[in-house]
Structure formats: C-alpha cells, structure tokens
N, C-alpha and C. Protein backbone atom coordinates (compact mmCIF):
# COMPACT_ATOMS: atom_id res chain seq x y z
N MET A 1 0.85 -1.18 0.00
CA MET A 1 0.00 0.00 0.00
C MET A 1 0.89 1.24 0.00
N LYS A 2 0.50 2.22 -0.80
CA LYS A 2 1.28 3.46 -0.89
C LYS A 2 1.29 4.18 0.45
N ALA A 3 2.39 4.86 0.72
CA ALA A 3 2.51 5.60 1.97
C ALA A 3 1.47 6.72 2.05
N SER A 4 1.18 7.36 0.90
CA SER A 4 0.20 8.45 0.92
C SER A 4 -1.20 7.94 1.24
N LYS A 5 -1.52 6.76 0.73
CA LYS A 5 -2.83 6.18 1.01
C LYS A 5 -2.92 5.78 2.48
N LEU A 6 -1.85 5.23 3.01
CA LEU A 6 -1.80 4.83 4.41
C LEU A 6 -1.89 6.05 5.33
N ALA A 7 -1.23 7.13 4.94
CA ALA A 7 -1.26 8.35 5.73
C ALA A 7 -2.64 9.00 5.72
N TYR A 8 -3.38 8.80 4.64
CA TYR A 8 -4.72 9.39 4.52
C TYR A 8 -5.76 8.65 5.35
N LYS A 9 -5.52 7.38 5.67
CA LYS A 9 -6.52 6.56 6.39
C LYS A 9 -7.05 7.22 7.66
N PRO A 10 -6.21 7.68 8.59
CA PRO A 10 -6.75 8.30 9.80
C PRO A 10 -7.58 9.55 9.49
N MET A 11 -7.13 10.32 8.51
CA MET A 11 -7.88 11.51 8.14
C MET A 11 -9.22 11.09 7.51
N GLY A 12 -9.21 10.03 6.73
CA GLY A 12 -10.44 9.53 6.13
C GLY A 12 -11.46 9.10 7.17
N PHE A 13 -11.00 8.45 8.22
CA PHE A 13 -11.90 8.04 9.30
C PHE A 13 -12.49 9.27 10.01
N ALA A 14 -11.65 10.23 10.27
CA ALA A 14 -12.13 11.46 10.93
C ALA A 14 -13.12 12.20 10.04
N LEU A 15 -12.83 12.27 8.75
CA LEU A 15 -13.75 12.93 7.83
C LEU A 15 -15.07 12.18 7.73
N GLY A 16 -15.02 10.87 7.81
CA GLY A 16 -16.26 10.07 7.79
C GLY A 16 -17.14 10.38 8.98
N ALA A 17 -16.53 10.48 10.14
CA ALA A 17 -17.29 10.82 11.34
C ALA A 17 -17.86 12.24 11.25
N LEU A 18 -17.05 13.15 10.76
CA LEU A 18 -17.50 14.53 10.59
C LEU A 18 -18.67 14.61 9.61
N SER A 19 -18.58 13.87 8.51
CA SER A 19 -19.66 13.91 7.53
C SER A 19 -20.95 13.35 8.12
N GLY A 20 -20.86 12.37 8.99
CA GLY A 20 -22.05 11.83 9.65
C GLY A 20 -22.72 12.86 10.54
N VAL A 21 -21.93 13.61 11.27
CA VAL A 21 -22.46 14.66 12.15
C VAL A 21 -23.13 15.77 11.33
N ILE A 22 -22.45 16.18 10.27
CA ILE A 22 -23.00 17.25 9.41
C ILE A 22 -24.28 16.78 8.73
N ALA A 23 -24.27 15.57 8.19
CA ALA A 23 -25.44 15.05 7.49
C ALA A 23 -26.63 14.88 8.43
N SER A 24 -26.37 14.43 9.64
CA SER A 24 -27.44 14.25 10.62
C SER A 24 -28.10 15.59 10.94
N ALA A 25 -27.30 16.60 11.16
CA ALA A 25 -27.85 17.93 11.46
C ALA A 25 -28.61 18.49 10.26
N ALA A 26 -28.08 18.29 9.06
CA ALA A 26 -28.75 18.77 7.85
C ALA A 26 -30.08 18.06 7.65
N PHE A 27 -30.11 16.76 7.91
CA PHE A 27 -31.36 16.01 7.74
C PHE A 27 -32.41 16.47 8.75
N LYS A 28 -32.02 16.68 9.98
CA LYS A 28 -32.99 17.15 10.99
C LYS A 28 -33.61 18.47 10.59
N GLN A 29 -32.79 19.39 10.10
CA GLN A 29 -33.32 20.68 9.66
C GLN A 29 -34.20 20.54 8.42
N THR A 30 -33.78 19.70 7.50
CA THR A 30 -34.56 19.47 6.28
C THR A 30 -35.90 18.85 6.61
N TRP A 31 -35.91 17.90 7.54
CA TRP A 31 -37.16 17.23 7.90
C TRP A 31 -38.14 18.22 8.54
N LYS A 32 -37.63 19.14 9.32
CA LYS A 32 -38.50 20.16 9.92
C LYS A 32 -39.17 20.98 8.83
N VAL A 33 -38.45 21.28 7.76
CA VAL A 33 -39.02 22.05 6.65
C VAL A 33 -40.05 21.22 5.89
N ILE A 34 -39.74 19.95 5.66
CA ILE A 34 -40.63 19.09 4.88
C ILE A 34 -41.94 18.80 5.61
N GLU A 35 -41.85 18.37 6.83
CA GLU A 35 -43.03 17.91 7.57
C GLU A 35 -43.44 18.82 8.72
N GLY A 36 -42.63 19.78 9.07
CA GLY A 36 -42.97 20.66 10.17
C GLY A 36 -42.89 20.00 11.53
N GLU A 37 -42.16 18.90 11.59
CA GLU A 37 -42.00 18.16 12.85
C GLU A 37 -40.52 18.09 13.21
N GLY A 38 -40.26 17.86 14.48
CA GLY A 38 -38.87 17.73 14.91
C GLY A 38 -38.32 16.34 14.69
N ASP A 39 -39.13 15.32 14.87
CA ASP A 39 -38.65 13.95 14.79
C ASP A 39 -39.03 13.30 13.46
N ALA A 40 -38.02 12.81 12.77
CA ALA A 40 -38.28 12.06 11.54
C ALA A 40 -38.75 10.66 11.93
N PRO A 41 -39.59 10.06 11.10
CA PRO A 41 -40.08 8.72 11.44
C PRO A 41 -38.99 7.67 11.27
N ASP A 42 -39.09 6.66 12.07
CA ASP A 42 -38.23 5.50 12.01
C ASP A 42 -39.04 4.38 11.35
N ALA A 43 -38.39 3.43 10.74
CA ALA A 43 -39.09 2.34 10.07
C ALA A 43 -40.00 1.57 11.03
N LEU A 44 -39.70 1.61 12.31
CA LEU A 44 -40.50 0.87 13.28
C LEU A 44 -41.55 1.72 13.98
N ASP A 45 -41.74 2.96 13.54
CA ASP A 45 -42.79 3.82 14.12
C ASP A 45 -44.15 3.32 13.63
N GLU A 46 -44.86 2.70 14.51
CA GLU A 46 -46.13 2.05 14.16
C GLU A 46 -47.19 3.04 13.69
N ASP A 47 -47.18 4.23 14.24
CA ASP A 47 -48.24 5.21 13.95
C ASP A 47 -47.94 6.08 12.73
N ARG A 48 -46.83 5.89 12.10
CA ARG A 48 -46.48 6.71 10.93
C ARG A 48 -46.85 5.97 9.65
N PRO A 49 -47.36 6.67 8.65
CA PRO A 49 -47.72 6.03 7.38
C PRO A 49 -46.48 5.68 6.55
N TRP A 50 -46.64 4.72 5.65
CA TRP A 50 -45.56 4.29 4.77
C TRP A 50 -44.97 5.48 4.00
N ARG A 51 -45.82 6.34 3.49
CA ARG A 51 -45.36 7.47 2.69
C ARG A 51 -44.35 8.30 3.46
N GLN A 52 -44.66 8.58 4.70
CA GLN A 52 -43.79 9.41 5.52
C GLN A 52 -42.47 8.70 5.83
N ILE A 53 -42.53 7.42 6.12
CA ILE A 53 -41.32 6.66 6.44
C ILE A 53 -40.41 6.56 5.22
N LEU A 54 -40.98 6.28 4.07
CA LEU A 54 -40.16 6.14 2.85
C LEU A 54 -39.61 7.48 2.39
N LEU A 55 -40.39 8.53 2.54
CA LEU A 55 -39.89 9.87 2.19
C LEU A 55 -38.71 10.23 3.09
N ALA A 56 -38.84 9.99 4.37
CA ALA A 56 -37.74 10.30 5.30
C ALA A 56 -36.49 9.50 4.96
N ALA A 57 -36.65 8.24 4.63
CA ALA A 57 -35.49 7.40 4.28
C ALA A 57 -34.81 7.90 3.01
N ALA A 58 -35.61 8.27 2.01
CA ALA A 58 -35.04 8.75 0.75
C ALA A 58 -34.31 10.07 0.94
N VAL A 59 -34.91 10.99 1.67
CA VAL A 59 -34.28 12.29 1.91
C VAL A 59 -33.00 12.12 2.72
N GLN A 60 -33.06 11.29 3.74
CA GLN A 60 -31.89 11.07 4.58
C GLN A 60 -30.76 10.44 3.77
N GLY A 61 -31.07 9.47 2.94
CA GLY A 61 -30.04 8.83 2.12
C GLY A 61 -29.39 9.80 1.15
N ALA A 62 -30.20 10.64 0.53
CA ALA A 62 -29.66 11.62 -0.42
C ALA A 62 -28.75 12.62 0.29
N ILE A 63 -29.19 13.11 1.43
CA ILE A 63 -28.38 14.08 2.18
C ILE A 63 -27.07 13.45 2.63
N PHE A 64 -27.12 12.24 3.17
CA PHE A 64 -25.91 11.59 3.63
C PHE A 64 -24.93 11.37 2.47
N ALA A 65 -25.43 10.97 1.30
CA ALA A 65 -24.56 10.71 0.16
C ALA A 65 -23.88 11.99 -0.33
N VAL A 66 -24.63 13.07 -0.41
CA VAL A 66 -24.07 14.34 -0.88
C VAL A 66 -23.04 14.88 0.12
N VAL A 67 -23.37 14.85 1.39
CA VAL A 67 -22.44 15.36 2.41
C VAL A 67 -21.17 14.50 2.44
N LYS A 68 -21.32 13.19 2.38
CA LYS A 68 -20.16 12.30 2.42
C LYS A 68 -19.24 12.56 1.23
N ALA A 69 -19.82 12.67 0.03
CA ALA A 69 -19.00 12.93 -1.16
C ALA A 69 -18.30 14.28 -1.07
N THR A 70 -19.00 15.28 -0.57
CA THR A 70 -18.43 16.61 -0.45
C THR A 70 -17.26 16.63 0.54
N VAL A 71 -17.45 16.01 1.68
CA VAL A 71 -16.40 16.00 2.71
C VAL A 71 -15.21 15.16 2.26
N GLU A 72 -15.45 13.99 1.66
CA GLU A 72 -14.35 13.15 1.21
C GLU A 72 -13.54 13.82 0.10
N ARG A 73 -14.25 14.43 -0.84
CA ARG A 73 -13.56 15.10 -1.94
C ARG A 73 -12.73 16.27 -1.43
N SER A 74 -13.28 17.03 -0.50
CA SER A 74 -12.54 18.15 0.09
C SER A 74 -11.30 17.65 0.83
N GLY A 75 -11.44 16.54 1.54
CA GLY A 75 -10.30 15.96 2.25
C GLY A 75 -9.21 15.49 1.31
N ALA A 76 -9.63 14.89 0.20
CA ALA A 76 -8.65 14.42 -0.79
C ALA A 76 -7.92 15.59 -1.42
N LYS A 77 -8.65 16.64 -1.73
CA LYS A 77 -8.01 17.82 -2.33
C LYS A 77 -7.04 18.47 -1.34
N ALA A 78 -7.43 18.53 -0.07
CA ALA A 78 -6.54 19.10 0.95
C ALA A 78 -5.29 18.24 1.10
N THR A 79 -5.45 16.93 1.06
CA THR A 79 -4.31 16.04 1.15
C THR A 79 -3.35 16.25 -0.02
N ARG A 80 -3.92 16.41 -1.21
CA ARG A 80 -3.05 16.65 -2.38
C ARG A 80 -2.32 17.98 -2.26
N ARG A 81 -3.00 19.01 -1.73
CA ARG A 81 -2.33 20.30 -1.55
C ARG A 81 -1.15 20.18 -0.58
N VAL A 82 -1.33 19.38 0.47
CA VAL A 82 -0.28 19.26 1.49
C VAL A 82 0.84 18.32 1.03
N THR A 83 0.47 17.16 0.46
CA THR A 83 1.46 16.14 0.12
C THR A 83 1.87 16.12 -1.34
N GLY A 84 1.03 16.71 -2.21
CA GLY A 84 1.32 16.66 -3.64
C GLY A 84 0.83 15.40 -4.31
N VAL A 85 0.18 14.51 -3.53
CA VAL A 85 -0.26 13.22 -4.06
C VAL A 85 -1.74 13.04 -3.75
N TRP A 86 -2.50 12.55 -4.75
CA TRP A 86 -3.91 12.23 -4.53
C TRP A 86 -3.99 10.96 -3.71
N PRO A 87 -4.82 10.89 -2.67
CA PRO A 87 -4.79 9.76 -1.71
C PRO A 87 -5.44 8.47 -2.19
N ALA A 88 -5.91 8.38 -3.37
CA ALA A 88 -6.61 7.16 -3.81
C ALA A 88 -5.71 6.00 -4.10
C-alpha cells in the first residue's frame, strides 16, 4: 500500500465521522421544513404512514450521500495540496 494512502486513512476516518455529524444535522433541519416536525419517522414507528417513512429514508439517504461525497472530496483535495499526491 502506498505511503500516501496509508497516511490518509486516519484523516479519512475522521472525515467520515464529521460527515455523519454534518449530514445528521442537515437532515434534521430538512425534515422540519418538509413535515414541520422535529422527529423524523423511524421504520418501526407504528403510527407513521408508509409514505412518511419512505420519504424520510429517501431524503436522509440523499443528504448523507451528498455530504459524504463533499467532505471526502474536500479531504482528498486538501491532502493533495499538502502532500502533492492524490490519496486514492
């Protein structure tokens, strides 16, 4: 394994955790706008309709994917600026 890829691993883990925190906060705010509620439904919420549960899952997945890609790409670009090598 390349040294640059190995050096990026700890940063990649930290960025993954950061992206989870950012995506979670973004989803909570987005859900408040969509449904006007604070709590998004969980798949096991018996009193919530299918439409609401599936909408929440789709929105959450989209937000998590966009935030993860944005944070990972930014981390890779920062790594290249510092080391001169793309971490892939």
